[in-house]
C-alpha atoms as a PDB file:
ATOM      1  CA  MET A   1     -38.341  47.388  39.717  1.00  0.00           C
ATOM      2  CA  LYS A   2     -39.609  43.953  39.763  1.00  0.00           C
ATOM      3  CA  ALA A   3     -40.449  43.998  37.029  1.00  0.00           C
ATOM      4  CA  ARG A   4     -37.471  44.701  36.127  1.00  0.00           C
ATOM      5  CA  TRP A   5     -35.261  42.164  37.882  1.00  0.00           C
ATOM      6  CA  LYS A   6     -37.472  39.488  36.131  1.00  0.00           C
ATOM      7  CA  ARG A   7     -35.849  40.808  32.256  1.00  0.00           C
ATOM      8  CA  GLY A   8     -33.156  40.350  33.795  1.00  0.00           C
ATOM      9  CA  ALA A   9     -33.465  36.965  35.175  1.00  0.00           C
ATOM     10  CA  VAL A  10     -35.370  35.300  31.589  1.00  0.00           C
ATOM     11  CA  LEU A  11     -32.318  37.339  29.909  1.00  0.00           C
ATOM     12  CA  LEU A  12     -29.239  35.945  32.091  1.00  0.00           C
ATOM     13  CA  GLN A  13     -31.544  32.074  31.444  1.00  0.00           C
ATOM     14  CA  THR A  14     -31.814  32.755  28.110  1.00  0.00           C
ATOM     15  CA  LEU A  15     -27.933  34.098  27.887  1.00  0.00           C
ATOM     16  CA  VAL A  16     -27.296  30.647  29.844  1.00  0.00           C
ATOM     17  CA  MET A  17     -29.751  27.721  27.942  1.00  0.00           C
ATOM     18  CA  ALA A  18     -27.804  29.528  24.710  1.00  0.00           C
ATOM     19  CA  ILE A  19     -23.851  28.082  25.903  1.00  0.00           C
ATOM     20  CA  MET A  20     -25.454  24.978  27.431  1.00  0.00           C
ATOM     21  CA  LEU A  21     -27.021  24.175  24.467  1.00  0.00           C
ATOM     22  CA  SER A  22     -24.165  25.437  22.138  1.00  0.00           C
ATOM     23  CA  MET A  23     -22.075  23.123  23.320  1.00  0.00           C
ATOM     24  CA  ILE A  24     -23.421  20.307  23.603  1.00  0.00           C
ATOM     25  CA  ALA A  25     -24.370  21.201  19.494  1.00  0.00           C
ATOM     26  CA  VAL A  26     -20.081  21.442  20.276  1.00  0.00           C
ATOM     27  CA  MET A  27     -19.451  17.747  21.779  1.00  0.00           C
ATOM     28  CA  LEU A  28     -21.695  16.331  19.761  1.00  0.00           C
ATOM     29  CA  MET A  29     -20.630  17.783  16.676  1.00  0.00           C
ATOM     30  CA  LYS A  30     -17.155  16.594  18.768  1.00  0.00           C
ATOM     31  CA  TRP A  31     -18.347  12.937  18.913  1.00  0.00           C
ATOM     32  CA  VAL A  32     -19.447  12.417  15.351  1.00  0.00           C
ATOM     33  CA  LEU A  33     -16.709  13.771  14.191  1.00  0.00           C
ATOM     34  CA  ALA A  34     -13.865  11.314  15.684  1.00  0.00           C
ATOM     35  CA  ARG A  35     -17.172   7.972  14.613  1.00  0.00           C
ATOM     36  CA  TYR A  36     -16.309   9.828  10.691  1.00  0.00           C
ATOM     37  CA  LEU A  37     -12.901   9.532  11.636  1.00  0.00           C
ATOM     38  CA  LEU A  38     -12.316   6.031  12.712  1.00  0.00           C
ATOM     39  CA  ALA A  39     -15.113   4.333  10.354  1.00  0.00           C
ATOM     40  CA  ALA A  40     -12.510   6.158   7.816  1.00  0.00           C
ATOM     41  CA  ARG A  41      -9.656   4.297   8.474  1.00  0.00           C
ATOM     42  CA  ASN A  42     -11.486   0.680   9.363  1.00  0.00           C
ATOM     43  CA  TYR A  43     -12.712   0.716   5.437  1.00  0.00           C
ATOM     44  CA  ARG A  44      -8.669   2.026   4.685  1.00  0.00           C
ATOM     45  CA  ALA A  45      -7.143  -0.437   6.389  1.00  0.00           C
ATOM     46  CA  THR A  46     -10.180  -2.927   5.155  1.00  0.00           C
ATOM     47  CA  GLU A  47      -9.709  -2.221   1.801  1.00  0.00           C
ATOM     48  CA  ALA A  48      -5.771  -1.693   2.224  1.00  0.00           C
ATOM     49  CA  LYS A  49      -6.285  -5.388   3.073  1.00  0.00           C
ATOM     50  CA  ALA A  50      -8.446  -6.452  -0.618  1.00  0.00           C
ATOM     51  CA  ARG A  51      -6.118  -4.949  -2.441  1.00  0.00           C
ATOM     52  CA  ALA A  52      -2.303  -6.774  -1.218  1.00  0.00           C
ATOM     53  CA  GLN A  53      -5.306  -9.761  -1.487  1.00  0.00           C
ATOM     54  CA  ILE A  54      -6.275  -9.322  -4.599  1.00  0.00           C
ATOM     55  CA  VAL A  55      -2.607  -8.864  -5.768  1.00  0.00           C
ATOM     56  CA  THR A  56      -0.874 -11.566  -4.174  1.00  0.00           C
ATOM     57  CA  GLY A  57      -3.682 -13.827  -5.837  1.00  0.00           C
ATOM     58  CA  GLN A  58      -2.999 -12.134  -9.133  1.00  0.00           C
ATOM     59  CA  GLN A  59       0.876 -12.324  -8.958  1.00  0.00           C
ATOM     60  CA  PHE A  60       0.481 -16.022  -6.744  1.00  0.00           C
ATOM     61  CA  SER A  61      -1.589 -17.252 -10.329  1.00  0.00           C
ATOM     62  CA  GLN A  62       0.683 -16.361 -12.789  1.00  0.00           C
ATOM     63  CA  TRP A  63       3.942 -18.366 -11.185  1.00  0.00           C
ATOM     64  CA  ASN A  64       5.259 -21.338 -12.311  1.00  0.00           C
ATOM     65  CA  PHE A  65       3.955 -23.458  -9.168  1.00  0.00           C
ATOM     66  CA  GLN A  66       4.177 -27.320 -11.349  1.00  0.00           C
ATOM     67  CA  ASP A  67       8.050 -25.857 -10.854  1.00  0.00           C
ATOM     68  CA  PHE A  68       8.389 -24.709  -7.337  1.00  0.00           C
ATOM     69  CA  PRO A  69      12.031 -25.569  -6.316  1.00  0.00           C
ATOM     70  CA  ASN A  70      13.615 -23.247  -8.724  1.00  0.00           C
ATOM     71  CA  GLN A  71      13.044 -20.742  -7.363  1.00  0.00           C
ATOM     72  CA  ALA A  72      13.766 -18.021 -10.717  1.00  0.00           C
ATOM     73  CA  SER A  73      10.156 -17.331 -11.965  1.00  0.00           C
ATOM     74  CA  ILE A  74       8.531 -16.107  -8.337  1.00  0.00           C
ATOM     75  CA  PRO A  75      10.754 -12.692  -7.583  1.00  0.00           C
ATOM     76  CA  SER A  76      11.421 -10.777  -4.695  1.00  0.00           C
ATOM     77  CA  GLY A  77      11.365  -7.014  -3.897  1.00  0.00           C
ATOM     78  CA  VAL A  78       8.173  -6.062  -7.023  1.00  0.00           C
ATOM     79  CA  THR A  79       6.186  -2.885  -6.169  1.00  0.00           C
ATOM     80  CA  MET A  80       3.472  -2.493  -9.136  1.00  0.00           C
ATOM     81  CA  THR A  81       0.895   0.267  -8.913  1.00  0.00           C
ATOM     82  CA  THR A  82      -2.573  -1.315  -9.330  1.00  0.00           C
ATOM     83  CA  PHE A  83      -5.394   0.739 -11.661  1.00  0.00           C
ATOM     84  CA  ASP A  84      -6.381   3.230  -8.931  1.00  0.00           C
ATOM     85  CA  GLY A  85      -2.892   4.167  -8.332  1.00  0.00           C
ATOM     86  CA  THR A  86      -1.825   2.340  -4.932  1.00  0.00           C
ATOM     87  CA  SER A  87       0.941   0.546  -4.517  1.00  0.00           C
ATOM     88  CA  VAL A  88       1.969  -2.702  -3.440  1.00  0.00           C
ATOM     89  CA  ARG A  89       4.525  -3.814  -2.827  1.00  0.00           C
ATOM     90  CA  TYR A  90       5.972  -7.095  -1.987  1.00  0.00           C
ATOM     91  CA  ASP A  91       8.669  -9.238  -0.591  1.00  0.00           C
ATOM     92  CA  ARG A  92       9.622 -13.274  -0.846  1.00  0.00           C
ATOM     93  CA  THR A  93      12.189 -14.370   2.165  1.00  0.00           C
ATOM     94  CA  GLY A  94      13.078 -18.170   3.531  1.00  0.00           C
ATOM     95  CA  GLY A  95      14.177 -20.318   0.929  1.00  0.00           C
ATOM     96  CA  ALA A  96      12.585 -23.571  -0.741  1.00  0.00           C
ATOM     97  CA  THR A  97      11.146 -24.446   1.851  1.00  0.00           C
ATOM     98  CA  PRO A  98       9.991 -21.593   4.748  1.00  0.00           C
ATOM     99  CA  MET A  99       9.079 -19.105   2.096  1.00  0.00           C
ATOM    100  CA  VAL A 100       7.019 -16.103   3.595  1.00  0.00           C
ATOM    101  CA  PHE A 101       5.670 -14.094   1.110  1.00  0.00           C
ATOM    102  CA  THR A 102       5.415 -10.219   3.132  1.00  0.00           C
ATOM    103  CA  VAL A 103       3.103  -8.076   1.429  1.00  0.00           C
ATOM    104  CA  THR A 104       2.849  -4.217   2.449  1.00  0.00           C
ATOM    105  CA  ILE A 105       0.745  -1.127   0.650  1.00  0.00           C
ATOM    106  CA  ASP A 106      -0.128   1.696   0.754  1.00  0.00           C
ATOM    107  CA  GLU A 107      -3.580   2.735   2.005  1.00  0.00           C
ATOM    108  CA  ASP A 108      -3.894   5.974   1.215  1.00  0.00           C
ATOM    109  CA  PRO A 109      -3.654   5.637  -3.582  1.00  0.00           C
ATOM    110  CA  THR A 110      -2.372   9.312  -5.185  1.00  0.00           C
ATOM    111  CA  PRO A 111      -5.331  11.456  -6.457  1.00  0.00           C
END
């Protein structure tokens, strides 16, 4: 009778340990996935900022800043598509002196 009780206790301990290990594994996987999503989001945001700077630099180099008061050569409200399908929009607001450029870029390019 006592041997059967020990066998049941060992099975119960094994079951409890299996449940605890599976819960630990699930929590670890949730943590890893959360870290991956955070890193991927940061990478996409950094990549979008770099693309916006590249497009802005290209556009600024094409505009004629020797004739800066003449704003005819500086377009406003233009949407472009980069080589990998990312959509970039830049807007110009303000007059000749307080000219403000806003560059908007989508972080997830369409394949």
